Amino acid sequence: MPSYHWLLHNVQYLVSSIRTYQGVKLLYSFGIFITFALQFYVPAEILIPPVLARVSVRWERPVDMLLRTVLVLFTCALAILIPELDLVISLVGSVSSSFLALIFPPILQILTFHTEGLSPLVTIKNAAISLIGLIGFITGTYIAIEKIIERNGLKSTEAFSSFMVQ
């Protein structure tokens, strides 16, 4: 009679790993649920007060709750509609971070302090930093767009080939 001890051990391991996985998934979801309000505080404080200023005092709370609900549903809809957020994040990062960190600050320094007589060395340094930022912006944006097109092209090819096989 064969021994099924190894099978019992593997099934127990599988069940315990499923429980562990479910526990981690539950804790992760709880963390997102708790921190979403904290992450949403700044956008809500920017977007909601101008709208509430146009509403009577009686309607402030319902309009506030409605706007918060609409904003949460909007972010949910974005998460559903953009399932592969990694490529979108890399595209937004290549555009915004290069502009905010490398292109705009040196240009703003030149524009702000040009009347005070910036030295040519500072102007050259600022131009070099902006040029490096522009190169990073162009290459990062190109690569991100290329990857988006490549992934979407691959999916359409897979969909077409699976349609042809059937």
N, C-alpha and C. Protein backbone atom coordinates (compact mmCIF):
# COMPACT_ATOMS: atom_id res chain seq x y z
N MET A 1 0.83 -1.17 0.00
CA MET A 1 0.00 0.00 0.00
C MET A 1 0.89 1.25 0.00
N PRO A 2 0.68 2.14 -1.01
CA PRO A 2 1.55 3.31 -1.11
C PRO A 2 1.26 4.33 -0.01
N SER A 3 2.31 5.06 0.32
CA SER A 3 2.18 6.08 1.36
C SER A 3 1.77 7.41 0.72
N TYR A 4 0.73 8.01 1.26
CA TYR A 4 0.25 9.29 0.75
C TYR A 4 0.62 10.44 1.69
N HIS A 5 1.62 10.21 2.50
CA HIS A 5 2.05 11.24 3.45
C HIS A 5 2.52 12.50 2.72
N TRP A 6 3.26 12.33 1.64
CA TRP A 6 3.76 13.50 0.89
C TRP A 6 2.61 14.30 0.30
N LEU A 7 1.55 13.63 -0.13
CA LEU A 7 0.39 14.31 -0.69
C LEU A 7 -0.33 15.13 0.39
N LEU A 8 -0.48 14.54 1.57
CA LEU A 8 -1.11 15.24 2.68
C LEU A 8 -0.29 16.47 3.07
N HIS A 9 1.03 16.33 3.11
CA HIS A 9 1.91 17.45 3.44
C HIS A 9 1.77 18.57 2.41
N ASN A 10 1.74 18.23 1.12
CA ASN A 10 1.61 19.25 0.07
C ASN A 10 0.26 19.95 0.12
N VAL A 11 -0.80 19.20 0.41
CA VAL A 11 -2.12 19.81 0.50
C VAL A 11 -2.17 20.75 1.70
N GLN A 12 -1.61 20.34 2.84
CA GLN A 12 -1.57 21.22 4.01
C GLN A 12 -0.77 22.49 3.71
N TYR A 13 0.34 22.35 3.02
CA TYR A 13 1.15 23.51 2.66
C TYR A 13 0.37 24.44 1.73
N LEU A 14 -0.32 23.85 0.77
CA LEU A 14 -1.09 24.64 -0.18
C LEU A 14 -2.21 25.40 0.53
N VAL A 15 -2.91 24.74 1.45
CA VAL A 15 -3.99 25.40 2.18
C VAL A 15 -3.43 26.50 3.06
N SER A 16 -2.31 26.25 3.73
CA SER A 16 -1.74 27.29 4.58
C SER A 16 -1.24 28.46 3.75
N SER A 17 -0.70 28.20 2.56
CA SER A 17 -0.23 29.30 1.73
C SER A 17 -1.42 30.09 1.17
N ILE A 18 -2.55 29.43 0.91
CA ILE A 18 -3.74 30.14 0.46
C ILE A 18 -4.26 31.03 1.58
N ARG A 19 -4.26 30.51 2.80
CA ARG A 19 -4.68 31.33 3.93
C ARG A 19 -3.74 32.52 4.13
N THR A 20 -2.46 32.28 4.00
CA THR A 20 -1.49 33.37 4.11
C THR A 20 -1.72 34.39 3.02
N TYR A 21 -1.92 33.91 1.82
CA TYR A 21 -2.17 34.81 0.70
C TYR A 21 -3.43 35.63 0.93
N GLN A 22 -4.50 34.98 1.38
CA GLN A 22 -5.75 35.69 1.65
C GLN A 22 -5.58 36.70 2.77
N GLY A 23 -4.81 36.35 3.79
CA GLY A 23 -4.54 37.28 4.89
C GLY A 23 -3.78 38.50 4.42
N VAL A 24 -2.76 38.27 3.61
CA VAL A 24 -1.99 39.39 3.08
C VAL A 24 -2.85 40.26 2.18
N LYS A 25 -3.67 39.64 1.37
CA LYS A 25 -4.58 40.37 0.49
C LYS A 25 -5.57 41.21 1.30
N LEU A 26 -6.09 40.64 2.37
CA LEU A 26 -7.02 41.35 3.24
C LEU A 26 -6.34 42.54 3.92
N LEU A 27 -5.13 42.33 4.44
CA LEU A 27 -4.40 43.42 5.08
C LEU A 27 -4.04 44.52 4.08
N TYR A 28 -3.68 44.14 2.88
CA TYR A 28 -3.36 45.11 1.84
C TYR A 28 -4.59 45.95 1.49
N SER A 29 -5.73 45.29 1.34
CA SER A 29 -6.97 46.00 1.04
C SER A 29 -7.36 46.93 2.19
N PHE A 30 -7.19 46.48 3.41
CA PHE A 30 -7.49 47.31 4.57
C PHE A 30 -6.57 48.53 4.61
N GLY A 31 -5.30 48.34 4.30
CA GLY A 31 -4.36 49.46 4.25
C GLY A 31 -4.73 50.49 3.21
N ILE A 32 -5.15 50.03 2.05
CA ILE A 32 -5.59 50.95 1.00
C ILE A 32 -6.85 51.69 1.46
N PHE A 33 -7.77 50.97 2.09
CA PHE A 33 -9.02 51.57 2.56
C PHE A 33 -8.73 52.66 3.58
N ILE A 34 -7.82 52.42 4.50
CA ILE A 34 -7.52 53.38 5.55
C ILE A 34 -6.75 54.58 5.00
N THR A 35 -5.79 54.35 4.13
CA THR A 35 -4.93 55.45 3.66
C THR A 35 -5.53 56.23 2.51
N PHE A 36 -6.59 55.73 1.89
CA PHE A 36 -7.16 56.45 0.75
C PHE A 36 -7.67 57.83 1.17
N ALA A 37 -8.30 57.91 2.33
CA ALA A 37 -8.79 59.21 2.81
C ALA A 37 -7.63 60.17 3.05
N LEU A 38 -6.55 59.67 3.58
CA LEU A 38 -5.38 60.52 3.82
C LEU A 38 -4.77 61.01 2.51
N GLN A 39 -4.68 60.12 1.53
CA GLN A 39 -4.13 60.50 0.23
C GLN A 39 -5.05 61.45 -0.51
N PHE A 40 -6.33 61.36 -0.23
CA PHE A 40 -7.32 62.16 -0.94
C PHE A 40 -7.56 63.52 -0.28
N TYR A 41 -6.93 63.77 0.87
CA TYR A 41 -7.19 64.99 1.61
C TYR A 41 -6.82 66.25 0.83
N VAL A 42 -5.64 66.29 0.26
CA VAL A 42 -5.18 67.49 -0.45
C VAL A 42 -6.02 67.77 -1.70
N PRO A 43 -6.24 66.79 -2.58
CA PRO A 43 -7.10 67.09 -3.73
C PRO A 43 -8.50 67.53 -3.33
N ALA A 44 -9.04 66.91 -2.28
CA ALA A 44 -10.39 67.29 -1.83
C ALA A 44 -10.39 68.71 -1.29
N GLU A 45 -9.35 69.10 -0.56
CA GLU A 45 -9.29 70.45 -0.02
C GLU A 45 -9.07 71.50 -1.11
N ILE A 46 -8.55 71.09 -2.24
CA ILE A 46 -8.39 72.02 -3.36
C ILE A 46 -9.66 72.11 -4.18
N LEU A 47 -10.32 70.99 -4.42
CA LEU A 47 -11.46 70.96 -5.35
C LEU A 47 -12.81 71.28 -4.70
N ILE A 48 -13.02 70.91 -3.46
CA ILE A 48 -14.35 71.01 -2.86
C ILE A 48 -14.70 72.42 -2.36
N PRO A 49 -13.84 73.16 -1.66
CA PRO A 49 -14.26 74.47 -1.13
C PRO A 49 -14.80 75.46 -2.17
N PRO A 50 -14.23 75.56 -3.38
CA PRO A 50 -14.84 76.49 -4.34
C PRO A 50 -16.27 76.12 -4.72
N VAL A 51 -16.56 74.82 -4.75
CA VAL A 51 -17.92 74.38 -5.08
C VAL A 51 -18.85 74.66 -3.90
N LEU A 52 -18.39 74.41 -2.69
CA LEU A 52 -19.22 74.64 -1.51
C LEU A 52 -19.52 76.13 -1.30
N ALA A 53 -18.66 77.00 -1.79
CA ALA A 53 -18.89 78.44 -1.66
C ALA A 53 -20.10 78.88 -2.47
N ARG A 54 -20.46 78.12 -3.47
CA ARG A 54 -21.59 78.46 -4.34
C ARG A 54 -22.91 77.84 -3.90
N VAL A 55 -22.88 77.08 -2.79
CA VAL A 55 -24.07 76.36 -2.34
C VAL A 55 -24.54 76.96 -1.02
N SER A 56 -25.83 76.88 -0.77
CA SER A 56 -26.36 77.38 0.50
C SER A 56 -25.88 76.50 1.65
N VAL A 57 -25.95 77.04 2.85
CA VAL A 57 -25.47 76.33 4.04
C VAL A 57 -26.22 75.01 4.22
N ARG A 58 -27.48 75.01 3.89
CA ARG A 58 -28.30 73.81 4.05
C ARG A 58 -27.78 72.65 3.19
N TRP A 59 -27.25 72.96 2.01
CA TRP A 59 -26.81 71.93 1.06
C TRP A 59 -25.32 71.64 1.12
N GLU A 60 -24.57 72.28 2.03
CA GLU A 60 -23.12 72.09 2.06
C GLU A 60 -22.72 70.64 2.31
N ARG A 61 -23.29 70.04 3.35
CA ARG A 61 -22.90 68.66 3.67
C ARG A 61 -23.29 67.67 2.58
N PRO A 62 -24.52 67.69 2.05
CA PRO A 62 -24.84 66.74 0.97
C PRO A 62 -23.98 66.94 -0.28
N VAL A 63 -23.71 68.21 -0.63
CA VAL A 63 -22.87 68.46 -1.81
C VAL A 63 -21.44 68.01 -1.55
N ASP A 64 -20.95 68.23 -0.33
CA ASP A 64 -19.61 67.78 0.03
C ASP A 64 -19.51 66.27 -0.10
N MET A 65 -20.47 65.54 0.44
CA MET A 65 -20.47 64.08 0.35
C MET A 65 -20.60 63.61 -1.10
N LEU A 66 -21.43 64.29 -1.87
CA LEU A 66 -21.61 63.93 -3.27
C LEU A 66 -20.31 64.13 -4.06
N LEU A 67 -19.65 65.26 -3.84
CA LEU A 67 -18.39 65.51 -4.55
C LEU A 67 -17.32 64.50 -4.16
N ARG A 68 -17.23 64.19 -2.89
CA ARG A 68 -16.25 63.18 -2.46
C ARG A 68 -16.56 61.81 -3.07
N THR A 69 -17.84 61.47 -3.13
CA THR A 69 -18.24 60.21 -3.74
C THR A 69 -17.90 60.19 -5.23
N VAL A 70 -18.15 61.28 -5.92
CA VAL A 70 -17.84 61.37 -7.34
C VAL A 70 -16.34 61.26 -7.57
N LEU A 71 -15.55 61.91 -6.72
CA LEU A 71 -14.09 61.82 -6.87
C LEU A 71 -13.58 60.40 -6.64
N VAL A 72 -14.14 59.73 -5.64
CA VAL A 72 -13.72 58.34 -5.38
C VAL A 72 -14.14 57.44 -6.54
N LEU A 73 -15.36 57.62 -7.04
CA LEU A 73 -15.82 56.81 -8.18
C LEU A 73 -14.98 57.09 -9.41
N PHE A 74 -14.57 58.35 -9.59
CA PHE A 74 -13.70 58.69 -10.72
C PHE A 74 -12.36 57.97 -10.63
N THR A 75 -11.75 57.96 -9.43
CA THR A 75 -10.48 57.25 -9.30
C THR A 75 -10.66 55.75 -9.47
N CYS A 76 -11.79 55.22 -9.00
CA CYS A 76 -12.09 53.80 -9.21
C CYS A 76 -12.23 53.49 -10.69
N ALA A 77 -12.96 54.36 -11.40
CA ALA A 77 -13.15 54.16 -12.84
C ALA A 77 -11.82 54.20 -13.57
N LEU A 78 -10.94 55.12 -13.17
CA LEU A 78 -9.61 55.16 -13.79
C LEU A 78 -8.84 53.88 -13.53
N ALA A 79 -8.92 53.36 -12.31
CA ALA A 79 -8.21 52.12 -11.99
C ALA A 79 -8.75 50.95 -12.80
N ILE A 80 -10.05 50.95 -13.05
CA ILE A 80 -10.65 49.87 -13.84
C ILE A 80 -10.32 50.02 -15.32
N LEU A 81 -10.38 51.25 -15.82
CA LEU A 81 -10.17 51.48 -17.24
C LEU A 81 -8.70 51.38 -17.65
N ILE A 82 -7.80 51.61 -16.71
CA ILE A 82 -6.37 51.53 -17.01
C ILE A 82 -5.78 50.40 -16.17
N PRO A 83 -5.94 49.14 -16.62
CA PRO A 83 -5.49 48.02 -15.80
C PRO A 83 -3.96 47.92 -15.70
N GLU A 84 -3.26 48.42 -16.70
CA GLU A 84 -1.80 48.35 -16.67
C GLU A 84 -1.27 49.75 -16.42
N LEU A 85 -1.29 50.12 -15.18
CA LEU A 85 -0.95 51.48 -14.79
C LEU A 85 0.55 51.74 -14.84
N ASP A 86 1.35 50.69 -14.89
CA ASP A 86 2.80 50.88 -14.85
C ASP A 86 3.31 51.71 -16.02
N LEU A 87 2.78 51.47 -17.21
CA LEU A 87 3.24 52.23 -18.37
C LEU A 87 2.73 53.67 -18.34
N VAL A 88 1.52 53.87 -17.84
CA VAL A 88 0.99 55.23 -17.73
C VAL A 88 1.79 56.01 -16.69
N ILE A 89 2.15 55.36 -15.58
CA ILE A 89 2.94 56.02 -14.55
C ILE A 89 4.31 56.39 -15.09
N SER A 90 4.92 55.53 -15.88
CA SER A 90 6.23 55.86 -16.45
C SER A 90 6.12 57.01 -17.44
N LEU A 91 5.03 57.07 -18.21
CA LEU A 91 4.83 58.18 -19.14
C LEU A 91 4.62 59.48 -18.38
N VAL A 92 3.75 59.48 -17.39
CA VAL A 92 3.50 60.70 -16.60
C VAL A 92 4.76 61.10 -15.86
N GLY A 93 5.49 60.13 -15.33
CA GLY A 93 6.73 60.43 -14.62
C GLY A 93 7.79 61.03 -15.52
N SER A 94 7.93 60.51 -16.73
CA SER A 94 8.95 61.05 -17.63
C SER A 94 8.61 62.47 -18.05
N VAL A 95 7.32 62.75 -18.19
CA VAL A 95 6.92 64.10 -18.59
C VAL A 95 7.00 65.06 -17.41
N SER A 96 6.32 64.73 -16.33
CA SER A 96 6.20 65.70 -15.24
C SER A 96 7.48 65.84 -14.43
N SER A 97 8.14 64.75 -14.11
CA SER A 97 9.33 64.89 -13.26
C SER A 97 10.46 65.59 -13.98
N SER A 98 10.61 65.35 -15.26
CA SER A 98 11.69 66.05 -15.97
C SER A 98 11.40 67.55 -16.05
N PHE A 99 10.14 67.91 -16.26
CA PHE A 99 9.80 69.33 -16.30
C PHE A 99 9.91 69.97 -14.93
N LEU A 100 9.35 69.31 -13.91
CA LEU A 100 9.32 69.91 -12.58
C LEU A 100 10.68 69.92 -11.90
N ALA A 101 11.52 68.95 -12.18
CA ALA A 101 12.79 68.86 -11.47
C ALA A 101 13.97 69.44 -12.24
N LEU A 102 13.96 69.33 -13.56
CA LEU A 102 15.16 69.68 -14.31
C LEU A 102 14.98 70.83 -15.31
N ILE A 103 13.81 71.02 -15.84
CA ILE A 103 13.66 72.04 -16.89
C ILE A 103 13.20 73.37 -16.32
N PHE A 104 12.11 73.37 -15.55
CA PHE A 104 11.54 74.63 -15.05
C PHE A 104 12.41 75.36 -14.03
N PRO A 105 12.98 74.70 -13.01
CA PRO A 105 13.73 75.47 -12.00
C PRO A 105 14.90 76.29 -12.56
N PRO A 106 15.74 75.74 -13.44
CA PRO A 106 16.81 76.58 -13.98
C PRO A 106 16.28 77.74 -14.83
N ILE A 107 15.23 77.49 -15.60
CA ILE A 107 14.66 78.56 -16.42
C ILE A 107 14.05 79.63 -15.53
N LEU A 108 13.38 79.21 -14.46
CA LEU A 108 12.81 80.19 -13.53
C LEU A 108 13.90 81.01 -12.83
N GLN A 109 15.01 80.37 -12.50
CA GLN A 109 16.10 81.12 -11.89
C GLN A 109 16.66 82.16 -12.86
N ILE A 110 16.81 81.79 -14.10
CA ILE A 110 17.30 82.76 -15.10
C ILE A 110 16.32 83.90 -15.25
N LEU A 111 15.02 83.58 -15.37
CA LEU A 111 14.01 84.62 -15.56
C LEU A 111 13.85 85.50 -14.32
N THR A 112 14.00 84.92 -13.15
CA THR A 112 13.80 85.69 -11.92
C THR A 112 14.98 86.60 -11.61
N PHE A 113 16.18 86.11 -11.79
CA PHE A 113 17.36 86.85 -11.36
C PHE A 113 18.16 87.48 -12.51
N HIS A 114 17.60 87.54 -13.70
CA HIS A 114 18.37 88.11 -14.81
C HIS A 114 18.60 89.61 -14.62
N THR A 115 17.70 90.29 -13.91
CA THR A 115 17.88 91.73 -13.67
C THR A 115 18.96 91.99 -12.64
N GLU A 116 19.27 91.02 -11.80
CA GLU A 116 20.29 91.18 -10.77
C GLU A 116 21.68 90.83 -11.29
N GLY A 117 21.78 90.46 -12.52
CA GLY A 117 23.08 90.19 -13.12
C GLY A 117 23.62 88.81 -12.78
N LEU A 118 23.02 87.79 -13.34
CA LEU A 118 23.54 86.44 -13.17
C LEU A 118 24.87 86.30 -13.89
N SER A 119 25.76 85.56 -13.29
CA SER A 119 27.05 85.35 -13.94
C SER A 119 26.86 84.42 -15.14
N PRO A 120 27.71 84.56 -16.14
CA PRO A 120 27.59 83.66 -17.30
C PRO A 120 27.73 82.19 -16.93
N LEU A 121 28.51 81.91 -15.89
CA LEU A 121 28.69 80.52 -15.46
C LEU A 121 27.36 79.94 -14.94
N VAL A 122 26.60 80.71 -14.17
CA VAL A 122 25.31 80.26 -13.65
C VAL A 122 24.33 80.07 -14.81
N THR A 123 24.35 80.96 -15.77
CA THR A 123 23.46 80.84 -16.92
C THR A 123 23.80 79.60 -17.74
N ILE A 124 25.07 79.34 -17.93
CA ILE A 124 25.50 78.14 -18.67
C ILE A 124 25.12 76.88 -17.89
N LYS A 125 25.32 76.91 -16.57
CA LYS A 125 24.94 75.76 -15.74
C LYS A 125 23.44 75.50 -15.84
N ASN A 126 22.63 76.56 -15.75
CA ASN A 126 21.18 76.40 -15.84
C ASN A 126 20.75 75.90 -17.21
N ALA A 127 21.40 76.38 -18.25
CA ALA A 127 21.08 75.92 -19.60
C ALA A 127 21.46 74.45 -19.76
N ALA A 128 22.59 74.04 -19.19
CA ALA A 128 23.01 72.64 -19.27
C ALA A 128 22.03 71.73 -18.52
N ILE A 129 21.61 72.17 -17.34
CA ILE A 129 20.65 71.36 -16.57
C ILE A 129 19.34 71.24 -17.34
N SER A 130 18.86 72.34 -17.90
CA SER A 130 17.62 72.30 -18.69
C SER A 130 17.77 71.42 -19.91
N LEU A 131 18.93 71.45 -20.56
CA LEU A 131 19.17 70.61 -21.73
C LEU A 131 19.17 69.13 -21.35
N ILE A 132 19.80 68.79 -20.22
CA ILE A 132 19.78 67.41 -19.74
C ILE A 132 18.35 66.99 -19.43
N GLY A 133 17.59 67.88 -18.81
CA GLY A 133 16.18 67.58 -18.53
C GLY A 133 15.38 67.39 -19.80
N LEU A 134 15.64 68.19 -20.82
CA LEU A 134 14.94 68.06 -22.09
C LEU A 134 15.28 66.73 -22.77
N ILE A 135 16.54 66.35 -22.70
CA ILE A 135 16.94 65.06 -23.28
C ILE A 135 16.26 63.91 -22.53
N GLY A 136 16.23 64.00 -21.18
CA GLY A 136 15.53 62.98 -20.39
C GLY A 136 14.05 62.95 -20.69
N PHE A 137 13.44 64.12 -20.86
CA PHE A 137 12.02 64.20 -21.19
C PHE A 137 11.75 63.52 -22.53
N ILE A 138 12.54 63.84 -23.54
CA ILE A 138 12.31 63.29 -24.88
C ILE A 138 12.53 61.78 -24.89
N THR A 139 13.64 61.31 -24.33
CA THR A 139 13.91 59.87 -24.36
C THR A 139 12.93 59.10 -23.48
N GLY A 140 12.62 59.61 -22.29
CA GLY A 140 11.68 58.92 -21.41
C GLY A 140 10.29 58.84 -22.00
N THR A 141 9.84 59.94 -22.60
CA THR A 141 8.52 59.95 -23.22
C THR A 141 8.48 59.02 -24.42
N TYR A 142 9.54 59.04 -25.22
CA TYR A 142 9.60 58.17 -26.39
C TYR A 142 9.56 56.70 -25.99
N ILE A 143 10.36 56.34 -24.99
CA ILE A 143 10.41 54.94 -24.56
C ILE A 143 9.08 54.51 -23.96
N ALA A 144 8.45 55.39 -23.13
CA ALA A 144 7.17 55.04 -22.51
C ALA A 144 6.09 54.86 -23.57
N ILE A 145 6.04 55.75 -24.55
CA ILE A 145 5.04 55.63 -25.61
C ILE A 145 5.31 54.39 -26.46
N GLU A 146 6.58 54.12 -26.72
CA GLU A 146 6.94 52.93 -27.49
C GLU A 146 6.50 51.65 -26.76
N LYS A 147 6.70 51.60 -25.45
CA LYS A 147 6.29 50.43 -24.66
C LYS A 147 4.77 50.28 -24.64
N ILE A 148 4.04 51.40 -24.54
CA ILE A 148 2.58 51.34 -24.56
C ILE A 148 2.10 50.79 -25.89
N ILE A 149 2.67 51.29 -26.98
CA ILE A 149 2.29 50.82 -28.32
C ILE A 149 2.66 49.35 -28.48
N GLU A 150 3.85 48.98 -27.99
CA GLU A 150 4.30 47.59 -28.11
C GLU A 150 3.37 46.64 -27.35
N ARG A 151 3.01 47.01 -26.12
CA ARG A 151 2.14 46.14 -25.33
C ARG A 151 0.74 46.06 -25.94
N ASN A 152 0.21 47.18 -26.39
CA ASN A 152 -1.12 47.16 -27.00
C ASN A 152 -1.10 46.44 -28.34
N GLY A 153 -0.02 46.58 -29.10
CA GLY A 153 0.10 45.85 -30.35
C GLY A 153 0.19 44.36 -30.12
N LEU A 154 0.90 43.97 -29.08
CA LEU A 154 1.02 42.55 -28.74
C LEU A 154 -0.33 41.98 -28.34
N LYS A 155 -1.10 42.75 -27.58
CA LYS A 155 -2.43 42.28 -27.17
C LYS A 155 -3.36 42.14 -28.37
N SER A 156 -3.31 43.11 -29.28
CA SER A 156 -4.19 43.01 -30.43
C SER A 156 -3.77 41.84 -31.33
N THR A 157 -2.47 41.57 -31.43
CA THR A 157 -2.00 40.43 -32.20
C THR A 157 -2.45 39.13 -31.55
N GLU A 158 -2.35 39.06 -30.18
CA GLU A 158 -2.78 37.86 -29.48
C GLU A 158 -4.28 37.66 -29.66
N ALA A 159 -5.04 38.73 -29.57
CA ALA A 159 -6.50 38.63 -29.73
C ALA A 159 -6.85 38.17 -31.14
N PHE A 160 -6.13 38.70 -32.13
CA PHE A 160 -6.39 38.32 -33.51
C PHE A 160 -6.00 36.87 -33.75
N SER A 161 -4.84 36.45 -33.21
CA SER A 161 -4.41 35.07 -33.44
C SER A 161 -5.31 34.10 -32.71
N SER A 162 -5.80 34.45 -31.51
CA SER A 162 -6.70 33.53 -30.82
C SER A 162 -8.05 33.47 -31.54
N PHE A 163 -8.44 34.58 -32.19
CA PHE A 163 -9.67 34.58 -32.95
C PHE A 163 -9.51 33.69 -34.19
N MET A 164 -8.34 33.73 -34.81
CA MET A 164 -8.10 32.95 -36.02
C MET A 164 -8.01 31.46 -35.70
N VAL A 165 -7.51 31.09 -34.53
CA VAL A 165 -7.38 29.69 -34.17
C VAL A 165 -8.75 29.07 -33.95
N GLN A 166 -9.65 29.81 -33.36
CA GLN A 166 -10.97 29.28 -33.08
C GLN A 166 -11.70 29.12 -34.36
